[in-house]
Amino acid sequence: MAPAPVPAPPVATPTRQTAATGSYHELSAKVREAGLLDRTPGFYISLLAGLTTALGGLVAAFVLLGHSWWQLAVAAGLGLVLTQFAFVAHEASHRQVLLTGPANDRLGRILANGVVGISHSWWMTKHTRHHANPNRVGKDPDIEWDTVSFLEEDAAKQRGLMAAITRRQGWLFFPLLTLEGVNLHVLAFKSLLASPPSRMRTVELVMITARLSIYVALVVWALPLGMAAAFLAVQLAVFGVYMGASFAPNHKGMAIIPADSRLDFLSKQVLTSRNINGGMTVTMLMGGLDAQIEHHLFPSMPRPHLARARRMVREHCESVGMPYTETSLVRSYVLVVQYLNRVGLAARDPFDCPMVQRYRPRSTR
């Protein structure tokens, strides 16, 4: 017998909608009065100094190790450090880091394009759409089909090899993330080449091309070809898995908003987001993405203030009867895998009965 499917996440129907509507302004006023939207440049300067030191240490280890397979440990460390730089670039794009918008934009552009190797403008466009309509069908780019199907209607469209992958996509999700690092670099070039000519487009293309060319050239020059290929593969795999594992728990398996539904801002952001427990350790590990509810309600809030805001938001949601979801990191991954497997069932042939398949004679041709 086929295993029973995991129950689908509910379509967003907030309780006590009347009480919730408009209450965001009250919550926002309390957060602002508490100073939780004030910038904390000292924290980010210290963080960037630490990451730069770690990056320098990895470069030194790369030089000293020479032709050694221990270089793969350096590659893994580089994948972790670059992901941490990507977190800061994400925060700069939300104007969390420095005191002015232009300064944040410059920092985000340097970190994203010049250090991490992804397009800042592509990220800004995609991520802004996501924040405006999280998990909303037809408007959130993060639930659009891209190898993995997040909606049953997308899963049902898959045929052949893609249908086979989709049916098992929950189990395959984390292995597929090993390719996400390559995908992000490819998307950077594709999005920039497809965008209208502009000064900023040229700047980003030059930065990304220079960064990629110098990086790959140095690795290939310093290491034997096979070892260099392994180094690049490990670095990109770790980067992809770390990025995906940090962003995936936030919305996957949470409420899906129908395209024609109307929700107030508080409901739209809280019902589609999931927080991760674990304290400051998890906050640093996930670059502040563990407080996803608060991040969506107050996108410009600096990372050091999220923990305090979390208590205030939780109390506010309780007062208006709004479900507030938080769980452990491991449990969140279980929920993501279960949700993706449930969605993937839509890719099955509707006439494909597991019992019949079991006893159907196999062709010997």
Protein backbone atom coordinates (compact mmCIF):
# COMPACT_ATOMS: atom_id res chain seq x y z
CA MET A 1 0.00 0.00 0.00
CA ALA A 2 1.19 3.53 -0.72
CA PRO A 3 2.09 5.56 2.38
CA ALA A 4 -0.49 8.06 3.54
CA PRO A 5 0.31 11.55 2.29
CA VAL A 6 1.34 14.23 4.74
CA PRO A 7 -1.56 16.65 5.37
CA ALA A 8 -1.34 19.79 3.27
CA PRO A 9 -0.64 23.11 4.98
CA PRO A 10 -3.86 25.05 5.37
CA VAL A 11 -4.84 27.81 3.02
CA ALA A 12 -4.44 31.03 4.93
CA THR A 13 -7.64 31.81 6.80
CA PRO A 14 -6.55 33.84 9.86
CA THR A 15 -8.59 33.62 13.02
CA ARG A 16 -10.05 36.82 14.40
CA GLN A 17 -9.29 38.60 11.14
CA THR A 18 -11.03 41.74 12.34
CA ALA A 19 -8.80 41.99 15.41
CA ALA A 20 -5.67 41.38 13.37
CA THR A 21 -6.43 43.88 10.63
CA GLY A 22 -4.75 47.17 11.36
CA SER A 23 -3.08 45.95 14.55
CA TYR A 24 0.28 45.98 12.81
CA HIS A 25 0.44 49.75 13.27
CA GLU A 26 0.14 49.31 17.02
CA LEU A 27 2.88 46.68 17.03
CA SER A 28 5.08 48.79 14.76
CA ALA A 29 4.79 51.79 17.08
CA LYS A 30 5.92 49.69 20.06
CA VAL A 31 8.87 48.29 18.13
CA ARG A 32 9.93 51.75 16.98
CA GLU A 33 9.61 53.22 20.48
CA ALA A 34 11.81 50.43 21.82
CA GLY A 35 14.55 51.49 19.39
CA LEU A 36 14.57 48.14 17.59
CA LEU A 37 14.71 49.76 14.16
CA ASP A 38 17.84 51.78 15.02
CA ARG A 39 20.93 50.79 13.05
CA THR A 40 23.79 48.92 14.74
CA PRO A 41 26.79 49.60 12.45
CA GLY A 42 29.26 48.55 15.15
CA PHE A 43 27.89 45.01 15.13
CA TYR A 44 28.19 44.69 11.36
CA ILE A 45 31.65 46.27 11.23
CA SER A 46 32.81 43.70 13.78
CA LEU A 47 31.08 40.90 11.88
CA LEU A 48 32.63 41.91 8.56
CA ALA A 49 36.04 42.24 10.22
CA GLY A 50 35.69 38.72 11.58
CA LEU A 51 34.57 37.31 8.23
CA THR A 52 37.42 39.09 6.44
CA THR A 53 39.89 37.63 8.95
CA ALA A 54 38.42 34.16 8.39
CA LEU A 55 38.67 34.64 4.63
CA GLY A 56 42.30 35.74 5.00
CA GLY A 57 43.03 32.66 7.09
CA LEU A 58 41.56 30.39 4.41
CA VAL A 59 43.67 32.09 1.74
CA ALA A 60 46.78 31.58 3.89
CA ALA A 61 45.91 27.91 4.39
CA PHE A 62 45.36 27.55 0.64
CA VAL A 63 48.85 28.88 -0.05
CA LEU A 64 50.58 26.86 2.68
CA LEU A 65 48.91 23.51 1.94
CA GLY A 66 50.01 23.40 -1.68
CA HIS A 67 49.18 20.19 -3.59
CA SER A 68 47.31 18.50 -0.75
CA TRP A 69 43.84 17.00 -0.67
CA TRP A 70 43.39 18.88 2.60
CA GLN A 71 42.59 21.75 0.25
CA LEU A 72 39.05 20.35 0.13
CA ALA A 73 38.66 21.36 3.78
CA VAL A 74 39.70 24.87 2.77
CA ALA A 75 37.11 24.75 -0.04
CA ALA A 76 34.39 23.74 2.43
CA GLY A 77 35.41 26.54 4.78
CA LEU A 78 35.32 28.98 1.89
CA GLY A 79 31.78 27.88 1.06
CA LEU A 80 30.72 28.61 4.65
CA VAL A 81 32.42 32.02 4.82
CA LEU A 82 31.03 33.15 1.46
CA THR A 83 27.54 32.22 2.64
CA GLN A 84 28.05 34.38 5.72
CA PHE A 85 29.08 37.25 3.44
CA ALA A 86 25.90 36.59 1.45
CA PHE A 87 23.86 36.97 4.65
CA VAL A 88 25.36 40.42 5.23
CA ALA A 89 24.70 41.33 1.59
CA HIS A 90 21.07 40.30 2.15
CA GLU A 91 20.87 42.50 5.23
CA ALA A 92 22.45 45.42 3.38
CA SER A 93 19.81 45.05 0.66
CA HIS A 94 17.22 45.58 3.40
CA ARG A 95 19.05 48.69 4.66
CA GLN A 96 19.86 46.99 7.99
CA VAL A 97 23.61 47.50 8.11
CA LEU A 98 24.74 51.11 7.57
CA LEU A 99 23.09 54.43 8.36
CA THR A 100 22.02 55.51 4.87
CA GLY A 101 20.32 53.82 1.94
CA PRO A 102 23.06 54.58 -0.64
CA ALA A 103 25.75 53.28 1.71
CA ASN A 104 23.82 50.04 2.20
CA ASP A 105 23.34 49.69 -1.56
CA ARG A 106 27.05 50.12 -2.21
CA LEU A 107 27.96 47.60 0.48
CA GLY A 108 25.39 45.09 -0.78
CA ARG A 109 26.64 45.49 -4.35
CA ILE A 110 30.28 44.97 -3.35
CA LEU A 111 29.55 41.93 -1.20
CA ALA A 112 27.09 40.27 -3.58
CA ASN A 113 28.88 40.87 -6.88
CA GLY A 114 32.50 41.23 -5.85
CA VAL A 115 32.81 38.76 -2.96
CA VAL A 116 30.04 36.16 -3.29
CA GLY A 117 29.59 36.27 -7.07
CA ILE A 118 25.80 36.72 -7.34
CA SER A 119 23.91 39.61 -8.91
CA HIS A 120 22.81 42.27 -6.42
CA SER A 121 20.19 43.74 -8.77
CA TRP A 122 18.73 40.29 -9.55
CA TRP A 123 18.54 39.50 -5.86
CA MET A 124 16.92 42.85 -5.03
CA THR A 125 14.23 42.42 -7.70
CA LYS A 126 13.42 38.82 -6.79
CA HIS A 127 13.57 39.30 -3.04
CA THR A 128 11.44 42.46 -3.08
CA ARG A 129 8.70 40.55 -4.92
CA HIS A 130 8.94 37.76 -2.36
CA HIS A 131 8.62 40.10 0.62
CA ALA A 132 5.60 41.83 -0.92
CA ASN A 133 3.70 38.56 -1.41
CA PRO A 134 5.25 35.61 0.45
CA ASN A 135 3.80 32.23 -0.62
CA ARG A 136 1.21 33.97 -2.80
CA VAL A 137 0.40 31.98 -5.93
CA GLY A 138 1.47 33.79 -9.07
CA LYS A 139 3.35 36.58 -7.26
CA ASP A 140 6.04 35.03 -5.07
CA PRO A 141 9.03 34.02 -7.23
CA ASP A 142 10.26 31.72 -4.45
CA ILE A 143 7.43 29.24 -5.06
CA GLU A 144 7.70 29.29 -8.85
CA TRP A 145 8.85 26.04 -10.47
CA ASP A 146 12.61 25.61 -10.86
CA THR A 147 13.46 21.88 -10.81
CA VAL A 148 11.55 21.61 -7.50
CA SER A 149 7.75 22.02 -7.52
CA PHE A 150 6.31 23.94 -4.56
CA LEU A 151 2.71 23.80 -5.83
CA GLU A 152 0.72 20.71 -6.78
CA GLU A 153 -0.37 22.23 -10.09
CA ASP A 154 3.29 22.63 -11.07
CA ALA A 155 4.11 19.08 -10.00
CA ALA A 156 1.23 17.72 -12.09
CA LYS A 157 2.71 19.32 -15.24
CA GLN A 158 5.98 17.40 -15.04
CA ARG A 159 6.68 14.55 -17.46
CA GLY A 160 9.39 11.96 -17.98
CA LEU A 161 12.56 12.41 -15.95
CA MET A 162 11.29 15.58 -14.29
CA ALA A 163 8.17 13.74 -13.11
CA ALA A 164 10.36 11.01 -11.60
CA ILE A 165 12.43 13.65 -9.80
CA THR A 166 9.34 15.53 -8.64
CA ARG A 167 7.77 12.40 -7.13
CA ARG A 168 10.85 12.10 -4.88
CA GLN A 169 11.70 15.77 -4.59
CA GLY A 170 11.46 15.88 -0.80
CA TRP A 171 14.19 13.26 -0.42
CA LEU A 172 16.16 14.81 -3.28
CA PHE A 173 15.86 18.40 -2.05
CA PHE A 174 19.12 18.59 -0.10
CA PRO A 175 21.16 16.63 -2.68
CA LEU A 176 19.83 19.02 -5.34
CA LEU A 177 21.03 21.97 -3.25
CA THR A 178 24.61 20.91 -4.03
CA LEU A 179 23.93 22.38 -7.49
CA GLU A 180 22.40 25.61 -6.19
CA GLY A 181 25.76 27.35 -5.96
CA VAL A 182 26.32 26.85 -9.69
CA ASN A 183 22.72 27.86 -10.37
CA LEU A 184 23.12 31.18 -8.51
CA HIS A 185 26.23 32.06 -10.49
CA VAL A 186 24.54 31.19 -13.78
CA LEU A 187 21.45 33.20 -12.86
CA ALA A 188 23.67 36.20 -12.09
CA PHE A 189 24.96 36.31 -15.65
CA LYS A 190 21.64 35.39 -17.28
CA SER A 191 19.69 38.07 -15.43
CA LEU A 192 22.25 40.78 -16.13
CA LEU A 193 22.63 39.93 -19.80
CA ALA A 194 18.83 39.93 -20.19
CA SER A 195 18.35 43.30 -18.47
CA PRO A 196 18.33 46.63 -20.36
CA PRO A 197 21.74 48.31 -20.80
CA SER A 198 22.65 50.67 -17.96
CA ARG A 199 25.66 51.87 -16.03
CA MET A 200 24.80 49.69 -13.05
CA ARG A 201 24.35 46.64 -15.27
CA THR A 202 27.83 47.20 -16.69
CA VAL A 203 29.32 47.66 -13.22
CA GLU A 204 27.79 44.42 -11.97
CA LEU A 205 28.87 42.45 -15.04
CA VAL A 206 32.44 43.71 -14.69
CA MET A 207 32.52 42.90 -10.96
CA ILE A 208 31.09 39.40 -11.33
CA THR A 209 33.24 38.54 -14.35
CA ALA A 210 36.43 39.82 -12.70
CA ARG A 211 35.66 38.00 -9.46
CA LEU A 212 34.92 34.68 -11.17
CA SER A 213 37.86 34.90 -13.59
CA ILE A 214 40.44 35.75 -10.93
CA TYR A 215 39.12 33.15 -8.49
CA VAL A 216 39.03 30.26 -10.97
CA ALA A 217 42.36 31.25 -12.53
CA LEU A 218 44.12 31.27 -9.15
CA VAL A 219 42.72 27.88 -8.16
CA VAL A 220 43.62 26.28 -11.50
CA TRP A 221 47.09 27.88 -11.44
CA ALA A 222 47.86 26.79 -7.88
CA LEU A 223 46.51 23.22 -7.96
CA PRO A 224 46.66 20.22 -10.32
CA LEU A 225 43.68 20.22 -12.65
CA GLY A 226 41.82 17.35 -10.93
CA MET A 227 42.37 18.81 -7.49
CA ALA A 228 41.34 22.27 -8.71
CA ALA A 229 38.10 20.85 -10.12
CA ALA A 230 37.40 19.07 -6.82
CA PHE A 231 38.16 22.27 -4.89
CA LEU A 232 35.68 24.31 -6.95
CA ALA A 233 33.05 21.56 -6.77
CA VAL A 234 33.26 21.29 -2.97
CA GLN A 235 33.18 25.06 -2.47
CA LEU A 236 30.12 25.50 -4.69
CA ALA A 237 28.34 22.48 -3.16
CA VAL A 238 28.85 23.69 0.41
CA PHE A 239 27.80 27.21 -0.57
CA GLY A 240 24.63 25.93 -2.26
CA VAL A 241 23.61 23.61 0.56
CA TYR A 242 24.31 26.21 3.25
CA MET A 243 22.34 28.90 1.41
CA GLY A 244 19.42 26.59 0.67
CA ALA A 245 19.36 25.08 4.15
CA SER A 246 19.19 28.59 5.65
CA PHE A 247 16.40 29.95 3.45
CA ALA A 248 14.26 26.79 2.96
CA PRO A 249 12.90 26.45 6.54
CA ASN A 250 11.41 29.95 6.46
CA HIS A 251 8.34 29.45 4.24
CA LYS A 252 8.28 25.95 2.71
CA GLY A 253 5.32 24.01 4.08
CA MET A 254 3.63 27.10 5.48
CA ALA A 255 0.28 28.50 4.33
CA ILE A 256 -0.14 29.06 0.60
CA ILE A 257 -2.02 32.25 -0.26
CA PRO A 258 -4.42 31.91 -3.21
CA ALA A 259 -3.89 34.44 -5.97
CA ASP A 260 -7.29 36.08 -5.45
CA SER A 261 -7.28 36.26 -1.62
CA ARG A 262 -6.95 39.48 0.36
CA LEU A 263 -5.09 39.60 3.67
CA ASP A 264 -3.89 42.41 5.90
CA PHE A 265 -0.12 42.91 6.18
CA LEU A 266 0.26 41.22 9.59
CA SER A 267 -1.65 38.11 8.57
CA LYS A 268 0.09 37.84 5.21
CA GLN A 269 3.55 37.91 6.75
CA VAL A 270 2.99 35.87 9.92
CA LEU A 271 0.90 33.04 8.49
CA THR A 272 3.38 32.28 5.73
CA SER A 273 6.55 32.39 7.85
CA ARG A 274 8.20 30.01 10.30
CA ASN A 275 10.72 30.88 13.01
CA ILE A 276 13.55 28.59 14.12
CA ASN A 277 14.45 28.11 17.79
CA GLY A 278 18.01 27.92 19.05
CA GLY A 279 19.09 31.29 20.42
CA MET A 280 22.09 33.33 19.33
CA THR A 281 23.97 30.31 17.97
CA VAL A 282 21.25 29.61 15.39
CA THR A 283 20.87 33.34 14.70
CA MET A 284 24.55 33.61 13.76
CA LEU A 285 24.45 30.31 11.86
CA MET A 286 21.46 31.45 9.77
CA GLY A 287 22.36 35.11 9.45
CA GLY A 288 19.23 36.23 11.32
CA LEU A 289 16.91 34.20 9.09
CA ASP A 290 15.78 32.19 12.11
CA ALA A 291 13.54 35.16 13.05
CA GLN A 292 11.76 35.06 9.71
CA ILE A 293 8.45 36.39 11.04
CA GLU A 294 10.06 39.48 12.51
CA HIS A 295 12.24 39.92 9.42
CA HIS A 296 9.15 40.00 7.21
CA LEU A 297 7.26 42.34 9.50
CA PHE A 298 10.25 44.70 9.89
CA PRO A 299 12.64 44.08 6.96
CA SER A 300 15.00 46.91 7.96
CA MET A 301 15.49 45.66 11.54
CA PRO A 302 19.18 44.89 12.30
CA ARG A 303 20.06 41.36 13.32
CA PRO A 304 20.97 42.18 16.98
CA HIS A 305 17.41 43.42 17.67
CA LEU A 306 15.52 40.42 16.30
CA ALA A 307 15.51 38.41 19.53
CA ARG A 308 13.84 41.18 21.52
CA ALA A 309 11.39 41.90 18.71
CA ARG A 310 10.54 38.21 18.62
CA ARG A 311 9.15 38.30 22.15
CA MET A 312 7.07 41.39 21.36
CA VAL A 313 5.67 39.95 18.13
CA ARG A 314 4.84 36.62 19.77
CA GLU A 315 2.91 38.37 22.55
CA HIS A 316 1.10 40.56 20.01
CA CYS A 317 0.07 37.58 17.90
CA GLU A 318 -1.28 35.83 20.98
CA SER A 319 -3.33 38.90 21.88
CA VAL A 320 -5.04 38.99 18.44
CA GLY A 321 -5.36 35.23 18.00
CA MET A 322 -2.80 34.99 15.21
CA PRO A 323 -0.99 31.62 14.84
CA TYR A 324 2.74 32.13 15.43
CA THR A 325 4.87 29.23 14.16
CA GLU A 326 8.29 28.33 15.51
CA THR A 327 10.13 25.03 15.69
CA SER A 328 13.61 23.53 15.86
CA LEU A 329 15.96 23.57 12.88
CA VAL A 330 15.88 19.78 12.48
CA ARG A 331 12.09 19.69 12.73
CA SER A 332 11.83 22.42 10.11
CA TYR A 333 13.83 20.28 7.67
CA VAL A 334 11.52 17.33 8.35
CA LEU A 335 8.51 19.54 7.60
CA VAL A 336 10.09 20.81 4.37
CA VAL A 337 10.85 17.27 3.15
CA GLN A 338 7.33 16.08 4.03
CA TYR A 339 5.72 19.03 2.29
CA LEU A 340 7.77 18.62 -0.89
CA ASN A 341 7.04 14.88 -0.99
CA ARG A 342 3.33 15.55 -0.59
CA VAL A 343 3.38 18.10 -3.41
CA GLY A 344 5.43 15.68 -5.51
CA LEU A 345 2.65 13.08 -5.39
CA ALA A 346 0.79 15.22 -7.92
CA ALA A 347 3.38 14.17 -10.50
CA ARG A 348 2.23 10.53 -10.30
CA ASP A 349 0.31 9.00 -13.16
CA PRO A 350 -3.33 9.02 -11.92
CA PHE A 351 -3.74 5.50 -13.37
CA ASP A 352 -0.56 4.22 -11.75
CA CYS A 353 -1.72 2.05 -8.85
CA PRO A 354 1.12 0.90 -6.57
CA MET A 355 -0.60 -2.48 -5.99
CA VAL A 356 -0.96 -3.10 -9.73
CA GLN A 357 2.65 -2.07 -10.34
CA ARG A 358 3.81 -4.56 -7.75
CA TYR A 359 2.23 -7.55 -9.46
CA ARG A 360 2.42 -6.38 -13.09
CA PRO A 361 4.68 -8.70 -15.13
CA ARG A 362 7.87 -6.94 -16.21
CA SER A 363 8.79 -6.92 -19.89
CA THR A 364 11.88 -8.92 -20.76
CA ARG A 365 12.50 -6.94 -23.92
